[in-house]
């Protein structure tokens, strides 16, 4: 994790200097200051900042939305900046939400510099957590799609009896292959609980779906999962072998999912 990049904008040059001097003691924070009349929006369109701290007297109401939406490098930095507003005209410190951007922090002046730096660290940690959650959710969505496409390509569409049990089992076993060691006791039971059916029905439905795909599926596609000898007369994989083969193929094609879905 790199340094949190912060823009501190305030017309009080002495305050800007104190902020920079104190921030030098924090290894995870880099602060740039702006203490003269310059177009903040133009600056933010060129340089990405994780956190923007600005005196309300240097901006207008429309600028707040523009600051939040400014992101010159959305590929490297998918999250927009956090905003902290400072003012000597608000009654108390508070946090509020709007429909267009994340929580904004408002700090009443005068404030303790150390308090501000600790708030920056807290906001930064919260951003890291949100980013990890976002990455995890994205990875799970990608895994869902990989499993769906694998089953369909093998010859088990969502309309087939057994699809949802295979889908649920593949999702559960993807990051916990030990479930396949005792498939009847562990995996079938987990699928049954998730789908509200008996473990026996799960096992039968999965076996029937695999048999149907083995007999009617595309031999070339099946060979990509289960090896070169595929066809109605060849031995079809057991349920546990099916799970392992599909999961291994997904991990081979999308190795990043193995770590992001944990």
C-alpha atoms as a PDB file:
ATOM      1  CA  UNK A   1       0.000   0.000   0.000  1.00  0.00           C
ATOM      2  CA  UNK A   2       1.461   3.391  -1.019  1.00  0.00           C
ATOM      3  CA  UNK A   3       1.205   6.743   0.686  1.00  0.00           C
ATOM      4  CA  UNK A   4      -2.141   8.476   1.008  1.00  0.00           C
ATOM      5  CA  UNK A   5      -1.935  11.564  -1.173  1.00  0.00           C
ATOM      6  CA  UNK A   6      -3.653  14.602   0.321  1.00  0.00           C
ATOM      7  CA  UNK A   7      -4.348  18.107  -0.966  1.00  0.00           C
ATOM      8  CA  UNK A   8      -4.739  20.713   1.778  1.00  0.00           C
ATOM      9  CA  UNK A   9      -6.138  24.030   0.506  1.00  0.00           C
ATOM     10  CA  UNK A  10      -6.336  26.991   2.852  1.00  0.00           C
ATOM     11  CA  UNK A  11      -5.454  30.685   2.537  1.00  0.00           C
ATOM     12  CA  UNK A  12      -3.701  30.600   5.911  1.00  0.00           C
ATOM     13  CA  UNK A  13      -0.092  30.001   4.810  1.00  0.00           C
ATOM     14  CA  UNK A  14       1.089  29.453   8.388  1.00  0.00           C
ATOM     15  CA  UNK A  15      -1.499  26.707   8.873  1.00  0.00           C
ATOM     16  CA  UNK A  16      -0.368  25.077   5.629  1.00  0.00           C
ATOM     17  CA  UNK A  17       3.235  25.101   6.862  1.00  0.00           C
ATOM     18  CA  UNK A  18       2.268  23.563  10.231  1.00  0.00           C
ATOM     19  CA  UNK A  19       0.303  20.839   8.454  1.00  0.00           C
ATOM     20  CA  UNK A  20       3.277  19.963   6.249  1.00  0.00           C
ATOM     21  CA  UNK A  21       5.737  19.954   9.151  1.00  0.00           C
ATOM     22  CA  UNK A  22       3.548  17.656  11.249  1.00  0.00           C
ATOM     23  CA  UNK A  23       2.691  15.386   8.313  1.00  0.00           C
ATOM     24  CA  UNK A  24       6.413  14.732   7.787  1.00  0.00           C
ATOM     25  CA  UNK A  25       6.255  12.494  10.870  1.00  0.00           C
ATOM     26  CA  UNK A  26       3.665  10.251   9.206  1.00  0.00           C
ATOM     27  CA  UNK A  27       5.243   7.803   6.769  1.00  0.00           C
ATOM     28  CA  UNK A  28       1.914   6.894   5.157  1.00  0.00           C
ATOM     29  CA  UNK A  29       0.795  10.462   4.338  1.00  0.00           C
ATOM     30  CA  UNK A  30       1.958  12.859   1.627  1.00  0.00           C
ATOM     31  CA  UNK A  31       0.435  16.342   1.743  1.00  0.00           C
ATOM     32  CA  UNK A  32       0.493  19.028  -0.942  1.00  0.00           C
ATOM     33  CA  UNK A  33      -0.685  22.486   0.082  1.00  0.00           C
ATOM     34  CA  UNK A  34      -2.488  25.216  -1.811  1.00  0.00           C
ATOM     35  CA  UNK A  35      -2.725  28.607  -0.085  1.00  0.00           C
ATOM     36  CA  UNK A  36      -3.409  31.026  -2.909  1.00  0.00           C
ATOM     37  CA  UNK A  37      -6.286  31.537  -5.308  1.00  0.00           C
ATOM     38  CA  UNK A  38      -5.924  28.837  -7.889  1.00  0.00           C
ATOM     39  CA  UNK A  39      -8.537  26.816  -9.701  1.00  0.00           C
ATOM     40  CA  UNK A  40      -8.736  23.759  -7.464  1.00  0.00           C
ATOM     41  CA  UNK A  41     -10.906  21.882  -9.954  1.00  0.00           C
ATOM     42  CA  UNK A  42      -8.329  22.340 -12.712  1.00  0.00           C
ATOM     43  CA  UNK A  43      -5.575  21.089 -10.409  1.00  0.00           C
ATOM     44  CA  UNK A  44      -7.607  18.006  -9.485  1.00  0.00           C
ATOM     45  CA  UNK A  45      -8.230  17.250 -13.135  1.00  0.00           C
ATOM     46  CA  UNK A  46      -4.452  16.799 -13.536  1.00  0.00           C
ATOM     47  CA  UNK A  47      -3.376  15.228 -10.229  1.00  0.00           C
ATOM     48  CA  UNK A  48      -5.138  12.448  -8.320  1.00  0.00           C
ATOM     49  CA  UNK A  49      -5.590  12.872  -4.568  1.00  0.00           C
ATOM     50  CA  UNK A  50      -7.039  10.317  -2.177  1.00  0.00           C
ATOM     51  CA  UNK A  51      -8.243  13.040   0.180  1.00  0.00           C
ATOM     52  CA  UNK A  52      -8.983  16.703  -0.509  1.00  0.00           C
ATOM     53  CA  UNK A  53      -9.138  19.102   2.469  1.00  0.00           C
ATOM     54  CA  UNK A  54     -10.359  22.569   1.598  1.00  0.00           C
ATOM     55  CA  UNK A  55     -11.616  25.672   3.371  1.00  0.00           C
ATOM     56  CA  UNK A  56     -15.215  26.360   2.385  1.00  0.00           C
ATOM     57  CA  UNK A  57     -14.305  29.972   1.640  1.00  0.00           C
ATOM     58  CA  UNK A  58     -12.154  28.802  -1.296  1.00  0.00           C
ATOM     59  CA  UNK A  59     -14.979  26.966  -3.074  1.00  0.00           C
ATOM     60  CA  UNK A  60     -18.696  27.195  -3.765  1.00  0.00           C
ATOM     61  CA  UNK A  61     -21.406  24.557  -3.385  1.00  0.00           C
ATOM     62  CA  UNK A  62     -21.072  23.280  -6.959  1.00  0.00           C
ATOM     63  CA  UNK A  63     -17.339  22.822  -6.477  1.00  0.00           C
ATOM     64  CA  UNK A  64     -17.932  20.105  -3.882  1.00  0.00           C
ATOM     65  CA  UNK A  65     -19.555  17.798  -6.426  1.00  0.00           C
ATOM     66  CA  UNK A  66     -16.900  18.708  -9.005  1.00  0.00           C
ATOM     67  CA  UNK A  67     -14.122  17.887  -6.533  1.00  0.00           C
ATOM     68  CA  UNK A  68     -15.649  14.502  -5.768  1.00  0.00           C
ATOM     69  CA  UNK A  69     -16.074  13.630  -9.444  1.00  0.00           C
ATOM     70  CA  UNK A  70     -12.590  14.808 -10.447  1.00  0.00           C
ATOM     71  CA  UNK A  71     -10.408  11.799 -11.181  1.00  0.00           C
ATOM     72  CA  UNK A  72      -7.692  12.126 -13.844  1.00  0.00           C
ATOM     73  CA  UNK A  73      -6.715   8.444 -13.598  1.00  0.00           C
ATOM     74  CA  UNK A  74      -9.803   6.257 -12.975  1.00  0.00           C
ATOM     75  CA  UNK A  75      -8.060   3.096 -14.209  1.00  0.00           C
ATOM     76  CA  UNK A  76      -5.293   3.218 -11.578  1.00  0.00           C
ATOM     77  CA  UNK A  77      -7.562   4.875  -8.994  1.00  0.00           C
ATOM     78  CA  UNK A  78     -11.123   3.527  -9.316  1.00  0.00           C
ATOM     79  CA  UNK A  79     -12.249   5.241  -6.101  1.00  0.00           C
ATOM     80  CA  UNK A  80     -13.026   8.953  -6.097  1.00  0.00           C
ATOM     81  CA  UNK A  81     -11.494  11.200  -3.471  1.00  0.00           C
ATOM     82  CA  UNK A  82     -12.752  11.765   0.051  1.00  0.00           C
ATOM     83  CA  UNK A  83     -13.560  15.363   0.971  1.00  0.00           C
ATOM     84  CA  UNK A  84     -12.900  17.167   4.245  1.00  0.00           C
ATOM     85  CA  UNK A  85     -14.224  20.716   4.531  1.00  0.00           C
ATOM     86  CA  UNK A  86     -12.937  23.199   7.098  1.00  0.00           C
ATOM     87  CA  UNK A  87     -14.736  26.332   8.241  1.00  0.00           C
ATOM     88  CA  UNK A  88     -15.026  28.699  11.188  1.00  0.00           C
ATOM     89  CA  UNK A  89     -18.730  29.234  10.520  1.00  0.00           C
ATOM     90  CA  UNK A  90     -20.238  25.831  11.316  1.00  0.00           C
ATOM     91  CA  UNK A  91     -21.714  25.150  14.711  1.00  0.00           C
ATOM     92  CA  UNK A  92     -20.033  21.796  15.351  1.00  0.00           C
ATOM     93  CA  UNK A  93     -18.088  18.960  13.778  1.00  0.00           C
ATOM     94  CA  UNK A  94     -20.432  16.641  11.902  1.00  0.00           C
ATOM     95  CA  UNK A  95     -20.647  14.214   9.026  1.00  0.00           C
ATOM     96  CA  UNK A  96     -23.396  14.213   6.443  1.00  0.00           C
ATOM     97  CA  UNK A  97     -24.328  12.299   3.299  1.00  0.00           C
ATOM     98  CA  UNK A  98     -25.835  13.385   0.022  1.00  0.00           C
ATOM     99  CA  UNK A  99     -27.282  11.390  -2.855  1.00  0.00           C
ATOM    100  CA  UNK A 100     -24.350  12.136  -5.144  1.00  0.00           C
ATOM    101  CA  UNK A 101     -21.217  11.487  -3.119  1.00  0.00           C
ATOM    102  CA  UNK A 102     -19.811   9.721  -0.090  1.00  0.00           C
ATOM    103  CA  UNK A 103     -19.763  11.155   3.446  1.00  0.00           C
ATOM    104  CA  UNK A 104     -18.123  14.560   3.739  1.00  0.00           C
ATOM    105  CA  UNK A 105     -16.299  15.495   6.908  1.00  0.00           C
ATOM    106  CA  UNK A 106     -16.737  19.042   8.222  1.00  0.00           C
ATOM    107  CA  UNK A 107     -14.261  20.390  10.756  1.00  0.00           C
ATOM    108  CA  UNK A 108     -14.692  23.573  12.722  1.00  0.00           C
ATOM    109  CA  UNK A 109     -11.774  25.985  12.901  1.00  0.00           C
ATOM    110  CA  UNK A 110      -9.536  26.370  14.753  1.00  0.00           C
ATOM    111  CA  UNK A 111      -8.638  22.685  14.928  1.00  0.00           C
ATOM    112  CA  UNK A 112      -5.710  20.745  16.305  1.00  0.00           C
ATOM    113  CA  UNK A 113      -3.300  19.723  13.538  1.00  0.00           C
ATOM    114  CA  UNK A 114      -2.694  16.323  15.123  1.00  0.00           C
ATOM    115  CA  UNK A 115      -6.456  15.737  15.178  1.00  0.00           C
ATOM    116  CA  UNK A 116      -6.618  16.413  11.444  1.00  0.00           C
ATOM    117  CA  UNK A 117      -3.722  14.071  10.687  1.00  0.00           C
ATOM    118  CA  UNK A 118      -5.301  11.305  12.743  1.00  0.00           C
ATOM    119  CA  UNK A 119      -8.559  11.862  10.858  1.00  0.00           C
ATOM    120  CA  UNK A 120      -6.646  11.576   7.566  1.00  0.00           C
ATOM    121  CA  UNK A 121      -5.206   8.248   8.723  1.00  0.00           C
ATOM    122  CA  UNK A 122      -8.655   7.021   9.760  1.00  0.00           C
ATOM    123  CA  UNK A 123     -10.244   8.053   6.462  1.00  0.00           C
ATOM    124  CA  UNK A 124      -7.377   6.408   4.588  1.00  0.00           C
ATOM    125  CA  UNK A 125      -7.863   3.120   6.452  1.00  0.00           C
ATOM    126  CA  UNK A 126     -11.585   3.278   5.715  1.00  0.00           C
ATOM    127  CA  UNK A 127     -10.831   3.802   2.002  1.00  0.00           C
ATOM    128  CA  UNK A 128      -8.516   0.790   1.969  1.00  0.00           C
ATOM    129  CA  UNK A 129     -11.227  -1.318   3.569  1.00  0.00           C
ATOM    130  CA  UNK A 130     -13.843  -0.146   1.075  1.00  0.00           C
ATOM    131  CA  UNK A 131     -11.482  -0.811  -1.804  1.00  0.00           C
ATOM    132  CA  UNK A 132     -10.805  -4.352  -0.600  1.00  0.00           C
ATOM    133  CA  UNK A 133     -14.528  -4.990  -0.203  1.00  0.00           C
ATOM    134  CA  UNK A 134     -15.135  -3.615  -3.671  1.00  0.00           C
ATOM    135  CA  UNK A 135     -12.398  -5.798  -5.163  1.00  0.00           C
ATOM    136  CA  UNK A 136     -13.742  -8.828  -3.356  1.00  0.00           C
ATOM    137  CA  UNK A 137     -17.282  -8.198  -4.576  1.00  0.00           C
ATOM    138  CA  UNK A 138     -16.020  -7.713  -8.119  1.00  0.00           C
ATOM    139  CA  UNK A 139     -14.054 -10.957  -7.936  1.00  0.00           C
ATOM    140  CA  UNK A 140     -17.066 -12.859  -6.656  1.00  0.00           C
ATOM    141  CA  UNK A 141     -19.192 -11.469  -9.458  1.00  0.00           C
ATOM    142  CA  UNK A 142     -16.531 -12.579 -11.928  1.00  0.00           C
ATOM    143  CA  UNK A 143     -16.387 -16.020 -10.315  1.00  0.00           C
ATOM    144  CA  UNK A 144     -20.173 -16.324 -10.557  1.00  0.00           C
ATOM    145  CA  UNK A 145     -19.988 -15.575 -14.269  1.00  0.00           C
ATOM    146  CA  UNK A 146     -17.093 -18.022 -14.799  1.00  0.00           C
ATOM    147  CA  UNK A 147     -19.030 -20.816 -13.110  1.00  0.00           C
ATOM    148  CA  UNK A 148     -22.171 -20.004 -15.068  1.00  0.00           C
ATOM    149  CA  UNK A 149     -20.314 -19.967 -18.398  1.00  0.00           C
ATOM    150  CA  UNK A 150     -18.436 -23.190 -17.558  1.00  0.00           C
ATOM    151  CA  UNK A 151     -21.623 -25.101 -16.782  1.00  0.00           C
ATOM    152  CA  UNK A 152     -23.389 -23.809 -19.882  1.00  0.00           C
ATOM    153  CA  UNK A 153     -20.440 -24.640 -22.133  1.00  0.00           C
ATOM    154  CA  UNK A 154     -20.252 -28.149 -20.677  1.00  0.00           C
ATOM    155  CA  UNK A 155     -23.921 -28.652 -21.478  1.00  0.00           C
ATOM    156  CA  UNK A 156     -25.655 -27.870 -18.192  1.00  0.00           C
ATOM    157  CA  UNK A 157     -27.814 -24.755 -18.680  1.00  0.00           C
ATOM    158  CA  UNK A 158     -29.623 -22.984 -15.803  1.00  0.00           C
ATOM    159  CA  UNK A 159     -32.896 -24.630 -16.848  1.00  0.00           C
ATOM    160  CA  UNK A 160     -31.515 -28.135 -16.246  1.00  0.00           C
ATOM    161  CA  UNK A 161     -32.299 -29.885 -12.988  1.00  0.00           C
ATOM    162  CA  UNK A 162     -29.031 -30.007 -11.102  1.00  0.00           C
ATOM    163  CA  UNK A 163     -27.620 -26.717 -12.387  1.00  0.00           C
ATOM    164  CA  UNK A 164     -28.292 -24.758  -9.192  1.00  0.00           C
ATOM    165  CA  UNK A 165     -26.782 -27.519  -7.033  1.00  0.00           C
ATOM    166  CA  UNK A 166     -23.645 -27.633  -9.164  1.00  0.00           C
ATOM    167  CA  UNK A 167     -23.472 -23.832  -9.180  1.00  0.00           C
ATOM    168  CA  UNK A 168     -23.832 -23.632  -5.392  1.00  0.00           C
ATOM    169  CA  UNK A 169     -21.295 -26.423  -4.858  1.00  0.00           C
ATOM    170  CA  UNK A 170     -18.706 -24.952  -7.205  1.00  0.00           C
ATOM    171  CA  UNK A 171     -19.004 -21.576  -5.485  1.00  0.00           C
ATOM    172  CA  UNK A 172     -18.540 -23.141  -2.035  1.00  0.00           C
ATOM    173  CA  UNK A 173     -15.679 -25.457  -3.030  1.00  0.00           C
ATOM    174  CA  UNK A 174     -13.746 -22.896  -5.092  1.00  0.00           C
ATOM    175  CA  UNK A 175     -11.911 -21.562  -2.018  1.00  0.00           C
ATOM    176  CA  UNK A 176     -12.369 -24.642   0.133  1.00  0.00           C
ATOM    177  CA  UNK A 177     -11.395 -27.722  -1.843  1.00  0.00           C
ATOM    178  CA  UNK A 178     -11.418 -29.757   1.388  1.00  0.00           C
ATOM    179  CA  UNK A 179     -15.195 -29.899   0.994  1.00  0.00           C
ATOM    180  CA  UNK A 180     -14.581 -32.366  -1.832  1.00  0.00           C
ATOM    181  CA  UNK A 181     -12.625 -34.759   0.398  1.00  0.00           C
ATOM    182  CA  UNK A 182     -15.861 -35.813   2.090  1.00  0.00           C
ATOM    183  CA  UNK A 183     -18.298 -34.725  -0.563  1.00  0.00           C
ATOM    184  CA  UNK A 184     -21.328 -36.582   0.789  1.00  0.00           C
ATOM    185  CA  UNK A 185     -20.889 -35.432   4.372  1.00  0.00           C
ATOM    186  CA  UNK A 186     -19.647 -31.902   3.746  1.00  0.00           C
ATOM    187  CA  UNK A 187     -20.417 -30.477   0.303  1.00  0.00           C
ATOM    188  CA  UNK A 188     -23.796 -32.112  -0.314  1.00  0.00           C
ATOM    189  CA  UNK A 189     -24.922 -31.090   3.158  1.00  0.00           C
ATOM    190  CA  UNK A 190     -23.883 -27.482   2.559  1.00  0.00           C
ATOM    191  CA  UNK A 191     -25.624 -27.379  -0.832  1.00  0.00           C
ATOM    192  CA  UNK A 192     -28.756 -28.963   0.655  1.00  0.00           C
ATOM    193  CA  UNK A 193     -28.927 -26.345   3.406  1.00  0.00           C
ATOM    194  CA  UNK A 194     -28.433 -23.510   0.933  1.00  0.00           C
ATOM    195  CA  UNK A 195     -31.087 -24.811  -1.471  1.00  0.00           C
ATOM    196  CA  UNK A 196     -33.579 -26.187   1.068  1.00  0.00           C
ATOM    197  CA  UNK A 197     -33.553 -29.784  -0.183  1.00  0.00           C
ATOM    198  CA  UNK A 198     -32.191 -33.136   0.985  1.00  0.00           C
ATOM    199  CA  UNK A 199     -28.578 -34.176   0.433  1.00  0.00           C
ATOM    200  CA  UNK A 200     -29.840 -37.235  -1.455  1.00  0.00           C
ATOM    201  CA  UNK A 201     -31.668 -35.036  -3.951  1.00  0.00           C
ATOM    202  CA  UNK A 202     -28.552 -32.916  -4.410  1.00  0.00           C
ATOM    203  CA  UNK A 203     -26.430 -35.979  -5.189  1.00  0.00           C
ATOM    204  CA  UNK A 204     -28.963 -37.492  -7.611  1.00  0.00           C
ATOM    205  CA  UNK A 205     -29.588 -34.232  -9.456  1.00  0.00           C
ATOM    206  CA  UNK A 206     -25.868 -33.526  -9.864  1.00  0.00           C
ATOM    207  CA  UNK A 207     -25.205 -37.059 -11.109  1.00  0.00           C
ATOM    208  CA  UNK A 208     -28.064 -36.792 -13.638  1.00  0.00           C
ATOM    209  CA  UNK A 209     -26.840 -33.411 -14.907  1.00  0.00           C
ATOM    210  CA  UNK A 210     -23.301 -34.735 -15.392  1.00  0.00           C
ATOM    211  CA  UNK A 211     -24.627 -37.795 -17.233  1.00  0.00           C
ATOM    212  CA  UNK A 212     -26.731 -35.648 -19.563  1.00  0.00           C
ATOM    213  CA  UNK A 213     -23.796 -33.343 -20.339  1.00  0.00           C
ATOM    214  CA  UNK A 214     -21.489 -36.313 -20.891  1.00  0.00           C
ATOM    215  CA  UNK A 215     -23.858 -37.901 -23.375  1.00  0.00           C
ATOM    216  CA  UNK A 216     -25.024 -34.809 -25.262  1.00  0.00           C
ATOM    217  CA  UNK A 217     -22.363 -32.157 -24.667  1.00  0.00           C
ATOM    218  CA  UNK A 218     -19.713 -30.925 -27.082  1.00  0.00           C
ATOM    219  CA  UNK A 219     -16.860 -33.491 -26.948  1.00  0.00           C
ATOM    220  CA  UNK A 220     -14.192 -30.877 -27.711  1.00  0.00           C
ATOM    221  CA  UNK A 221     -15.328 -28.589 -24.899  1.00  0.00           C
ATOM    222  CA  UNK A 222     -15.643 -31.497 -22.470  1.00  0.00           C
ATOM    223  CA  UNK A 223     -12.122 -32.609 -23.386  1.00  0.00           C
ATOM    224  CA  UNK A 224     -10.862 -29.199 -22.320  1.00  0.00           C
ATOM    225  CA  UNK A 225     -12.129 -29.913 -18.817  1.00  0.00           C
ATOM    226  CA  UNK A 226     -11.800 -33.675 -18.440  1.00  0.00           C
ATOM    227  CA  UNK A 227      -9.108 -34.823 -20.877  1.00  0.00           C
ATOM    228  CA  UNK A 228      -8.965 -36.173 -24.387  1.00  0.00           C
ATOM    229  CA  UNK A 229     -11.073 -39.331 -23.936  1.00  0.00           C
ATOM    230  CA  UNK A 230     -14.614 -38.020 -23.823  1.00  0.00           C
ATOM    231  CA  UNK A 231     -17.830 -39.472 -25.164  1.00  0.00           C
ATOM    232  CA  UNK A 232     -20.946 -41.521 -24.362  1.00  0.00           C
ATOM    233  CA  UNK A 233     -18.944 -44.760 -24.220  1.00  0.00           C
ATOM    234  CA  UNK A 234     -16.125 -43.430 -22.068  1.00  0.00           C
ATOM    235  CA  UNK A 235     -16.304 -43.368 -18.289  1.00  0.00           C
ATOM    236  CA  UNK A 236     -17.914 -40.176 -17.092  1.00  0.00           C
ATOM    237  CA  UNK A 237     -16.368 -38.350 -14.132  1.00  0.00           C
ATOM    238  CA  UNK A 238     -17.677 -38.890 -10.638  1.00  0.00           C
ATOM    239  CA  UNK A 239     -19.360 -35.959  -8.951  1.00  0.00           C
ATOM    240  CA  UNK A 240     -16.213 -35.048  -7.021  1.00  0.00           C
ATOM    241  CA  UNK A 241     -14.060 -35.406 -10.146  1.00  0.00           C
ATOM    242  CA  UNK A 242     -16.442 -33.099 -11.987  1.00  0.00           C
ATOM    243  CA  UNK A 243     -16.166 -30.432  -9.287  1.00  0.00           C
ATOM    244  CA  UNK A 244     -12.378 -30.644  -9.219  1.00  0.00           C
ATOM    245  CA  UNK A 245     -12.020 -30.494 -12.993  1.00  0.00           C
ATOM    246  CA  UNK A 246     -14.273 -27.436 -13.396  1.00  0.00           C
ATOM    247  CA  UNK A 247     -12.674 -25.558 -10.483  1.00  0.00           C
ATOM    248  CA  UNK A 248      -9.144 -26.344 -11.690  1.00  0.00           C
ATOM    249  CA  UNK A 249     -10.005 -25.114 -15.184  1.00  0.00           C
ATOM    250  CA  UNK A 250     -11.461 -21.851 -13.855  1.00  0.00           C
ATOM    251  CA  UNK A 251      -8.395 -21.306 -11.661  1.00  0.00           C
ATOM    252  CA  UNK A 252      -6.137 -22.026 -14.636  1.00  0.00           C
ATOM    253  CA  UNK A 253      -7.985 -19.550 -16.865  1.00  0.00           C
ATOM    254  CA  UNK A 254      -8.450 -16.894 -14.139  1.00  0.00           C
ATOM    255  CA  UNK A 255      -5.665 -17.336 -11.550  1.00  0.00           C
ATOM    256  CA  UNK A 256      -6.396 -13.956  -9.932  1.00  0.00           C
ATOM    257  CA  UNK A 257      -9.728 -15.254  -8.633  1.00  0.00           C
ATOM    258  CA  UNK A 258      -7.967 -17.729  -6.349  1.00  0.00           C
ATOM    259  CA  UNK A 259      -6.670 -14.896  -4.139  1.00  0.00           C
ATOM    260  CA  UNK A 260      -9.306 -12.171  -4.577  1.00  0.00           C
ATOM    261  CA  UNK A 261     -12.251 -14.369  -3.580  1.00  0.00           C
ATOM    262  CA  UNK A 262     -10.783 -15.288  -0.210  1.00  0.00           C
END
